Amino acid sequence: MALDDIYKETILDHYKNPRNKRELPGAVVTCTKNNPLCGDEITVAANLEDGKLLEVAFEGAGCSISQSSASMMTESVGGKTVGDAMSLAADVRGMLAGEVEPDEDVFGDLVALKGVVKYPIRIKCAVLAWDVLQEAVSDGGAASGGAAH
């Protein structure tokens, strides 16, 4: 099986069987953003304690890339410090811009998003969840809506 096919399988698996796609009652921070160009909408909720993302969940609707990326993001950042999660977010953005070559040991399933680089219009779909998480933790979740930039 070709590497691109493995990546597509990973994206489809996260789309069909999303991880942490649920409400998170009592979440410390929550934020919602959408991408009006394609209709993707994602809400990220998280519980934080001592600068650590104890639990991260998402809800939303959209294309397979946005929903898969959100699923992968929740798995990747849960248990990390906010700083480490934001560093990973920067690395994911770098990978999607073609500037960072992902280390599969560090990125795990996130490496599957590497193929999105070939479709520039879809990059916003892949980074939406990361943007929502970043906004949620940076302003304490005060922003509950808005369009992705």
N, C-alpha and C. Protein backbone atom coordinates (compact mmCIF):
# COMPACT_ATOMS: atom_id res chain seq x y z
N MET A 1 0.85 -1.18 0.00
CA MET A 1 0.00 0.00 0.00
C MET A 1 0.89 1.24 0.00
N ALA A 2 0.60 2.18 -0.86
CA ALA A 2 1.38 3.41 -0.97
C ALA A 2 1.17 4.29 0.27
N LEU A 3 2.18 5.09 0.58
CA LEU A 3 2.12 5.95 1.75
C LEU A 3 0.91 6.88 1.70
N ASP A 4 0.62 7.47 0.53
CA ASP A 4 -0.55 8.35 0.40
C ASP A 4 -1.83 7.61 0.74
N ASP A 5 -1.92 6.33 0.36
CA ASP A 5 -3.10 5.54 0.68
C ASP A 5 -3.23 5.30 2.18
N ILE A 6 -2.10 5.07 2.84
CA ILE A 6 -2.12 4.89 4.29
C ILE A 6 -2.60 6.17 4.96
N TYR A 7 -2.10 7.32 4.48
CA TYR A 7 -2.53 8.61 5.03
C TYR A 7 -4.03 8.82 4.83
N LYS A 8 -4.53 8.49 3.63
CA LYS A 8 -5.96 8.64 3.36
C LYS A 8 -6.78 7.75 4.29
N GLU A 9 -6.30 6.53 4.52
CA GLU A 9 -6.98 5.60 5.44
C GLU A 9 -7.04 6.17 6.85
N THR A 10 -5.94 6.77 7.29
CA THR A 10 -5.88 7.36 8.63
C THR A 10 -6.88 8.50 8.74
N ILE A 11 -6.93 9.37 7.74
CA ILE A 11 -7.88 10.48 7.74
C ILE A 11 -9.31 9.96 7.76
N LEU A 12 -9.60 8.98 6.92
CA LEU A 12 -10.96 8.42 6.89
C LEU A 12 -11.32 7.73 8.20
N ASP A 13 -10.35 7.06 8.83
CA ASP A 13 -10.62 6.42 10.11
C ASP A 13 -11.01 7.45 11.17
N HIS A 14 -10.26 8.55 11.23
CA HIS A 14 -10.58 9.59 12.21
C HIS A 14 -11.90 10.29 11.87
N TYR A 15 -12.25 10.35 10.59
CA TYR A 15 -13.52 10.97 10.19
C TYR A 15 -14.70 10.06 10.56
N LYS A 16 -14.56 8.78 10.27
CA LYS A 16 -15.65 7.82 10.54
C LYS A 16 -15.75 7.44 12.01
N ASN A 17 -14.62 7.45 12.70
CA ASN A 17 -14.56 7.07 14.12
C ASN A 17 -13.82 8.15 14.90
N PRO A 18 -14.41 9.34 14.98
CA PRO A 18 -13.70 10.44 15.63
C PRO A 18 -13.43 10.18 17.11
N ARG A 19 -12.25 10.58 17.53
CA ARG A 19 -11.87 10.46 18.93
C ARG A 19 -12.24 11.75 19.64
N ASN A 20 -12.79 11.62 20.82
CA ASN A 20 -13.11 12.76 21.69
C ASN A 20 -14.12 13.72 21.07
N LYS A 21 -14.99 13.23 20.19
CA LYS A 21 -16.04 14.08 19.62
C LYS A 21 -17.26 13.92 20.53
N ARG A 22 -17.38 14.89 21.44
CA ARG A 22 -18.44 14.82 22.44
C ARG A 22 -18.48 16.13 23.20
N GLU A 23 -19.53 16.30 23.97
CA GLU A 23 -19.59 17.44 24.88
C GLU A 23 -18.59 17.22 26.00
N LEU A 24 -18.17 18.30 26.60
CA LEU A 24 -17.30 18.22 27.76
C LEU A 24 -17.90 19.12 28.83
N PRO A 25 -18.90 18.57 29.56
CA PRO A 25 -19.57 19.38 30.58
C PRO A 25 -18.56 19.91 31.60
N GLY A 26 -18.75 21.16 31.98
CA GLY A 26 -17.88 21.77 32.97
C GLY A 26 -16.52 22.16 32.45
N ALA A 27 -16.36 22.22 31.13
CA ALA A 27 -15.06 22.58 30.54
C ALA A 27 -14.62 23.96 31.03
N VAL A 28 -13.34 24.08 31.28
CA VAL A 28 -12.78 25.34 31.76
C VAL A 28 -12.72 26.36 30.62
N VAL A 29 -12.38 25.90 29.41
CA VAL A 29 -12.36 26.79 28.25
C VAL A 29 -13.13 26.13 27.11
N THR A 30 -13.76 26.98 26.32
CA THR A 30 -14.46 26.51 25.14
C THR A 30 -14.44 27.62 24.09
N CYS A 31 -14.37 27.24 22.86
CA CYS A 31 -14.31 28.22 21.77
C CYS A 31 -14.87 27.58 20.51
N THR A 32 -15.55 28.37 19.72
CA THR A 32 -16.12 27.91 18.45
C THR A 32 -15.66 28.83 17.33
N LYS A 33 -15.27 28.22 16.22
CA LYS A 33 -14.92 28.99 15.02
C LYS A 33 -15.47 28.23 13.82
N ASN A 34 -15.61 28.97 12.73
CA ASN A 34 -16.03 28.31 11.51
C ASN A 34 -15.21 28.81 10.34
N ASN A 35 -15.28 28.06 9.27
CA ASN A 35 -14.65 28.45 8.02
C ASN A 35 -15.80 28.68 7.04
N PRO A 36 -16.19 29.94 6.85
CA PRO A 36 -17.35 30.22 6.02
C PRO A 36 -17.20 29.81 4.57
N LEU A 37 -15.96 29.63 4.10
CA LEU A 37 -15.75 29.24 2.71
C LEU A 37 -16.24 27.84 2.42
N CYS A 38 -16.13 26.95 3.42
CA CYS A 38 -16.53 25.57 3.15
C CYS A 38 -17.57 25.05 4.14
N GLY A 39 -17.92 25.84 5.15
CA GLY A 39 -18.96 25.44 6.08
C GLY A 39 -18.49 24.62 7.27
N ASP A 40 -17.18 24.43 7.42
CA ASP A 40 -16.68 23.70 8.59
C ASP A 40 -16.94 24.53 9.84
N GLU A 41 -17.33 23.85 10.92
CA GLU A 41 -17.50 24.51 12.20
C GLU A 41 -17.00 23.57 13.29
N ILE A 42 -16.20 24.11 14.19
CA ILE A 42 -15.63 23.30 15.26
C ILE A 42 -15.70 24.05 16.57
N THR A 43 -16.13 23.34 17.61
CA THR A 43 -16.08 23.84 18.97
C THR A 43 -15.10 22.96 19.72
N VAL A 44 -14.15 23.58 20.38
CA VAL A 44 -13.18 22.85 21.20
C VAL A 44 -13.44 23.21 22.65
N ALA A 45 -13.48 22.20 23.49
CA ALA A 45 -13.64 22.38 24.93
C ALA A 45 -12.49 21.67 25.62
N ALA A 46 -12.01 22.28 26.70
CA ALA A 46 -10.87 21.67 27.39
C ALA A 46 -10.94 21.94 28.88
N ASN A 47 -10.39 21.01 29.62
CA ASN A 47 -10.19 21.19 31.05
C ASN A 47 -8.71 21.39 31.27
N LEU A 48 -8.40 22.48 31.93
CA LEU A 48 -7.01 22.85 32.21
C LEU A 48 -6.77 22.83 33.71
N GLU A 49 -5.59 22.41 34.07
CA GLU A 49 -5.18 22.48 35.47
C GLU A 49 -3.67 22.60 35.52
N ASP A 50 -3.20 23.60 36.24
CA ASP A 50 -1.77 23.85 36.37
C ASP A 50 -1.06 23.93 35.02
N GLY A 51 -1.71 24.58 34.05
CA GLY A 51 -1.09 24.78 32.74
C GLY A 51 -1.09 23.55 31.86
N LYS A 52 -1.87 22.54 32.24
CA LYS A 52 -1.90 21.29 31.48
C LYS A 52 -3.31 21.05 30.92
N LEU A 53 -3.36 20.56 29.69
CA LEU A 53 -4.64 20.20 29.06
C LEU A 53 -5.00 18.79 29.53
N LEU A 54 -5.83 18.73 30.57
CA LEU A 54 -6.18 17.43 31.12
C LEU A 54 -7.06 16.63 30.17
N GLU A 55 -8.00 17.33 29.56
CA GLU A 55 -8.97 16.68 28.69
C GLU A 55 -9.35 17.65 27.59
N VAL A 56 -9.41 17.17 26.36
CA VAL A 56 -9.79 18.02 25.23
C VAL A 56 -10.82 17.26 24.39
N ALA A 57 -11.91 17.94 24.06
CA ALA A 57 -12.95 17.32 23.24
C ALA A 57 -13.37 18.34 22.17
N PHE A 58 -14.07 17.84 21.16
CA PHE A 58 -14.56 18.75 20.13
C PHE A 58 -15.94 18.32 19.67
N GLU A 59 -16.64 19.27 19.11
CA GLU A 59 -17.92 19.02 18.44
C GLU A 59 -17.90 19.83 17.17
N GLY A 60 -18.71 19.44 16.22
CA GLY A 60 -18.76 20.22 14.99
C GLY A 60 -19.17 19.38 13.81
N ALA A 61 -19.12 20.05 12.69
CA ALA A 61 -19.48 19.41 11.43
C ALA A 61 -18.62 20.02 10.33
N GLY A 62 -18.39 19.22 9.32
CA GLY A 62 -17.61 19.72 8.20
C GLY A 62 -17.02 18.59 7.39
N CYS A 63 -16.05 18.95 6.59
CA CYS A 63 -15.43 17.98 5.69
C CYS A 63 -14.58 16.98 6.46
N SER A 64 -14.17 15.95 5.77
CA SER A 64 -13.38 14.89 6.41
C SER A 64 -12.05 15.42 6.94
N ILE A 65 -11.46 16.38 6.27
CA ILE A 65 -10.17 16.90 6.73
C ILE A 65 -10.32 17.69 8.02
N SER A 66 -11.31 18.57 8.11
CA SER A 66 -11.47 19.37 9.33
C SER A 66 -11.82 18.48 10.52
N GLN A 67 -12.70 17.53 10.30
CA GLN A 67 -13.14 16.68 11.40
C GLN A 67 -12.03 15.70 11.82
N SER A 68 -11.31 15.18 10.86
CA SER A 68 -10.19 14.28 11.17
C SER A 68 -9.09 15.01 11.90
N SER A 69 -8.79 16.22 11.46
CA SER A 69 -7.75 17.01 12.11
C SER A 69 -8.14 17.31 13.55
N ALA A 70 -9.42 17.62 13.78
CA ALA A 70 -9.88 17.89 15.15
C ALA A 70 -9.74 16.64 16.02
N SER A 71 -10.10 15.49 15.48
CA SER A 71 -9.96 14.23 16.20
C SER A 71 -8.50 13.96 16.56
N MET A 72 -7.62 14.12 15.57
CA MET A 72 -6.19 13.90 15.80
C MET A 72 -5.63 14.90 16.80
N MET A 73 -6.11 16.14 16.70
CA MET A 73 -5.64 17.18 17.61
C MET A 73 -5.98 16.84 19.05
N THR A 74 -7.21 16.41 19.30
CA THR A 74 -7.59 16.10 20.69
C THR A 74 -6.74 14.97 21.26
N GLU A 75 -6.44 13.98 20.42
CA GLU A 75 -5.59 12.88 20.88
C GLU A 75 -4.16 13.35 21.13
N SER A 76 -3.69 14.25 20.29
CA SER A 76 -2.29 14.69 20.35
C SER A 76 -1.98 15.62 21.51
N VAL A 77 -2.95 16.44 21.91
CA VAL A 77 -2.65 17.45 22.93
C VAL A 77 -3.13 17.09 24.33
N GLY A 78 -4.02 16.12 24.43
CA GLY A 78 -4.51 15.73 25.74
C GLY A 78 -3.36 15.29 26.64
N GLY A 79 -3.26 15.89 27.83
CA GLY A 79 -2.21 15.55 28.77
C GLY A 79 -0.96 16.40 28.63
N LYS A 80 -0.89 17.18 27.55
CA LYS A 80 0.30 18.05 27.34
C LYS A 80 0.11 19.38 28.07
N THR A 81 1.22 20.06 28.30
CA THR A 81 1.13 21.42 28.80
C THR A 81 0.61 22.29 27.67
N VAL A 82 0.05 23.44 28.03
CA VAL A 82 -0.43 24.37 27.01
C VAL A 82 0.72 24.77 26.10
N GLY A 83 1.89 25.02 26.67
CA GLY A 83 3.06 25.39 25.86
C GLY A 83 3.44 24.32 24.85
N ASP A 84 3.46 23.06 25.30
CA ASP A 84 3.79 21.96 24.38
C ASP A 84 2.72 21.81 23.30
N ALA A 85 1.46 22.00 23.68
CA ALA A 85 0.36 21.90 22.70
C ALA A 85 0.47 23.01 21.66
N MET A 86 0.82 24.22 22.09
CA MET A 86 0.96 25.34 21.15
C MET A 86 2.18 25.15 20.26
N SER A 87 3.22 24.54 20.79
CA SER A 87 4.40 24.23 20.00
C SER A 87 4.06 23.20 18.92
N LEU A 88 3.28 22.18 19.30
CA LEU A 88 2.84 21.18 18.34
C LEU A 88 1.95 21.83 17.28
N ALA A 89 1.07 22.74 17.70
CA ALA A 89 0.21 23.44 16.75
C ALA A 89 1.04 24.20 15.73
N ALA A 90 2.10 24.85 16.18
CA ALA A 90 2.99 25.59 15.27
C ALA A 90 3.67 24.62 14.31
N ASP A 91 4.08 23.46 14.81
CA ASP A 91 4.71 22.45 13.95
C ASP A 91 3.73 21.92 12.90
N VAL A 92 2.48 21.71 13.31
CA VAL A 92 1.47 21.23 12.36
C VAL A 92 1.24 22.28 11.28
N ARG A 93 1.14 23.55 11.69
CA ARG A 93 0.98 24.62 10.70
C ARG A 93 2.19 24.64 9.76
N GLY A 94 3.38 24.46 10.32
CA GLY A 94 4.59 24.43 9.49
C GLY A 94 4.58 23.27 8.51
N MET A 95 4.11 22.11 8.97
CA MET A 95 4.02 20.94 8.09
C MET A 95 3.03 21.24 6.96
N LEU A 96 1.89 21.85 7.29
CA LEU A 96 0.87 22.14 6.29
C LEU A 96 1.30 23.24 5.33
N ALA A 97 2.28 24.04 5.74
CA ALA A 97 2.84 25.07 4.86
C ALA A 97 4.02 24.53 4.06
N GLY A 98 4.37 23.26 4.31
CA GLY A 98 5.50 22.66 3.61
C GLY A 98 6.84 23.07 4.17
N GLU A 99 6.85 23.66 5.37
CA GLU A 99 8.08 24.18 5.97
C GLU A 99 8.70 23.23 7.00
N VAL A 100 7.91 22.31 7.53
CA VAL A 100 8.38 21.39 8.56
C VAL A 100 8.19 19.97 8.06
N GLU A 101 9.26 19.19 8.12
CA GLU A 101 9.15 17.77 7.75
C GLU A 101 8.79 17.02 9.04
N PRO A 102 7.61 16.41 9.07
CA PRO A 102 7.16 15.80 10.32
C PRO A 102 7.96 14.55 10.70
N ASP A 103 8.20 14.42 11.98
CA ASP A 103 8.81 13.24 12.56
C ASP A 103 7.66 12.34 12.99
N GLU A 104 7.52 11.19 12.34
CA GLU A 104 6.39 10.32 12.60
C GLU A 104 6.30 9.89 14.06
N ASP A 105 7.43 9.78 14.74
CA ASP A 105 7.42 9.40 16.15
C ASP A 105 6.80 10.50 17.01
N VAL A 106 6.99 11.75 16.61
CA VAL A 106 6.44 12.88 17.35
C VAL A 106 5.01 13.17 16.90
N PHE A 107 4.78 13.15 15.61
CA PHE A 107 3.49 13.54 15.05
C PHE A 107 2.43 12.44 15.12
N GLY A 108 2.83 11.20 15.11
CA GLY A 108 1.85 10.11 15.11
C GLY A 108 0.91 10.22 13.92
N ASP A 109 -0.40 10.07 14.18
CA ASP A 109 -1.39 10.14 13.11
C ASP A 109 -1.40 11.49 12.39
N LEU A 110 -0.96 12.54 13.05
CA LEU A 110 -0.96 13.87 12.44
C LEU A 110 -0.19 13.91 11.12
N VAL A 111 0.77 13.01 10.97
CA VAL A 111 1.57 12.99 9.75
C VAL A 111 0.67 12.73 8.53
N ALA A 112 -0.48 12.12 8.74
CA ALA A 112 -1.41 11.86 7.64
C ALA A 112 -1.90 13.15 6.99
N LEU A 113 -1.89 14.24 7.75
CA LEU A 113 -2.35 15.52 7.20
C LEU A 113 -1.34 16.15 6.24
N LYS A 114 -0.15 15.57 6.19
CA LYS A 114 0.91 16.10 5.33
C LYS A 114 0.45 16.23 3.87
N GLY A 115 -0.37 15.30 3.41
CA GLY A 115 -0.84 15.32 2.03
C GLY A 115 -1.71 16.51 1.69
N VAL A 116 -2.25 17.20 2.70
CA VAL A 116 -3.10 18.36 2.47
C VAL A 116 -2.32 19.48 1.79
N VAL A 117 -0.99 19.48 1.94
CA VAL A 117 -0.14 20.50 1.31
C VAL A 117 -0.41 20.58 -0.19
N LYS A 118 -0.76 19.45 -0.79
CA LYS A 118 -1.01 19.42 -2.24
C LYS A 118 -2.29 20.16 -2.62
N TYR A 119 -3.14 20.45 -1.63
CA TYR A 119 -4.43 21.09 -1.88
C TYR A 119 -4.54 22.36 -1.03
N PRO A 120 -3.91 23.45 -1.47
CA PRO A 120 -3.84 24.66 -0.65
C PRO A 120 -5.19 25.15 -0.11
N ILE A 121 -6.25 24.97 -0.87
CA ILE A 121 -7.56 25.43 -0.43
C ILE A 121 -8.04 24.65 0.80
N ARG A 122 -7.49 23.45 1.01
CA ARG A 122 -7.92 22.60 2.13
C ARG A 122 -7.09 22.80 3.40
N ILE A 123 -6.03 23.59 3.31
CA ILE A 123 -5.18 23.81 4.48
C ILE A 123 -5.97 24.45 5.62
N LYS A 124 -6.85 25.40 5.29
CA LYS A 124 -7.67 26.03 6.32
C LYS A 124 -8.56 25.01 7.03
N CYS A 125 -9.00 24.00 6.30
CA CYS A 125 -9.80 22.93 6.91
C CYS A 125 -8.98 22.19 7.96
N ALA A 126 -7.73 21.92 7.62
CA ALA A 126 -6.86 21.14 8.50
C ALA A 126 -6.41 21.93 9.73
N VAL A 127 -6.28 23.25 9.63
CA VAL A 127 -5.80 24.03 10.77
C VAL A 127 -6.92 24.61 11.63
N LEU A 128 -8.16 24.49 11.20
CA LEU A 128 -9.27 25.10 11.94
C LEU A 128 -9.29 24.67 13.41
N ALA A 129 -9.24 23.39 13.68
CA ALA A 129 -9.30 22.91 15.07
C ALA A 129 -8.14 23.46 15.89
N TRP A 130 -6.98 23.54 15.27
CA TRP A 130 -5.79 24.06 15.96
C TRP A 130 -5.96 25.54 16.28
N ASP A 131 -6.56 26.29 15.35
CA ASP A 131 -6.84 27.70 15.59
C ASP A 131 -7.82 27.86 16.76
N VAL A 132 -8.83 27.01 16.79
CA VAL A 132 -9.84 27.08 17.85
C VAL A 132 -9.20 26.78 19.20
N LEU A 133 -8.39 25.73 19.25
CA LEU A 133 -7.71 25.39 20.49
C LEU A 133 -6.83 26.54 20.96
N GLN A 134 -6.06 27.10 20.04
CA GLN A 134 -5.15 28.19 20.40
C GLN A 134 -5.93 29.38 20.95
N GLU A 135 -7.03 29.73 20.31
CA GLU A 135 -7.83 30.85 20.79
C GLU A 135 -8.45 30.53 22.15
N ALA A 136 -8.91 29.31 22.32
CA ALA A 136 -9.54 28.91 23.58
C ALA A 136 -8.57 29.04 24.75
N VAL A 137 -7.35 28.57 24.59
CA VAL A 137 -6.41 28.60 25.71
C VAL A 137 -5.74 29.96 25.86
N SER A 138 -5.65 30.74 24.79
CA SER A 138 -4.95 32.02 24.89
C SER A 138 -5.80 33.09 25.55
N ASP A 139 -7.11 33.02 25.36
CA ASP A 139 -7.95 34.06 25.98
C ASP A 139 -8.88 33.48 27.02
N GLY A 140 -8.57 32.28 27.49
CA GLY A 140 -9.38 31.67 28.53
C GLY A 140 -10.76 31.26 28.06
N GLY A 141 -10.92 31.18 26.73
CA GLY A 141 -12.19 30.71 26.20
C GLY A 141 -13.24 31.81 26.10
N ALA A 142 -12.84 33.05 26.26
CA ALA A 142 -13.81 34.15 26.24
C ALA A 142 -14.50 34.26 24.89
N ALA A 143 -13.79 33.94 23.83
CA ALA A 143 -14.39 34.02 22.50
C ALA A 143 -15.18 32.75 22.23
N SER A 144 -16.44 32.93 21.92
CA SER A 144 -17.26 31.75 21.69
C SER A 144 -17.65 31.60 20.23
N GLY A 145 -17.23 32.51 19.41
CA GLY A 145 -17.60 32.39 18.01
C GLY A 145 -16.68 33.20 17.12
N GLY A 146 -16.85 33.00 15.83
CA GLY A 146 -16.06 33.78 14.89
C GLY A 146 -15.65 32.97 13.70
N ALA A 147 -15.21 33.66 12.72
CA ALA A 147 -14.77 33.00 11.49
C ALA A 147 -13.28 32.76 11.56
N ALA A 148 -12.86 31.69 10.96
CA ALA A 148 -11.43 31.39 10.91
C ALA A 148 -10.75 32.34 9.95
N HIS A 149 -9.55 32.72 10.26
CA HIS A 149 -8.81 33.64 9.40
C HIS A 149 -7.84 32.90 8.53
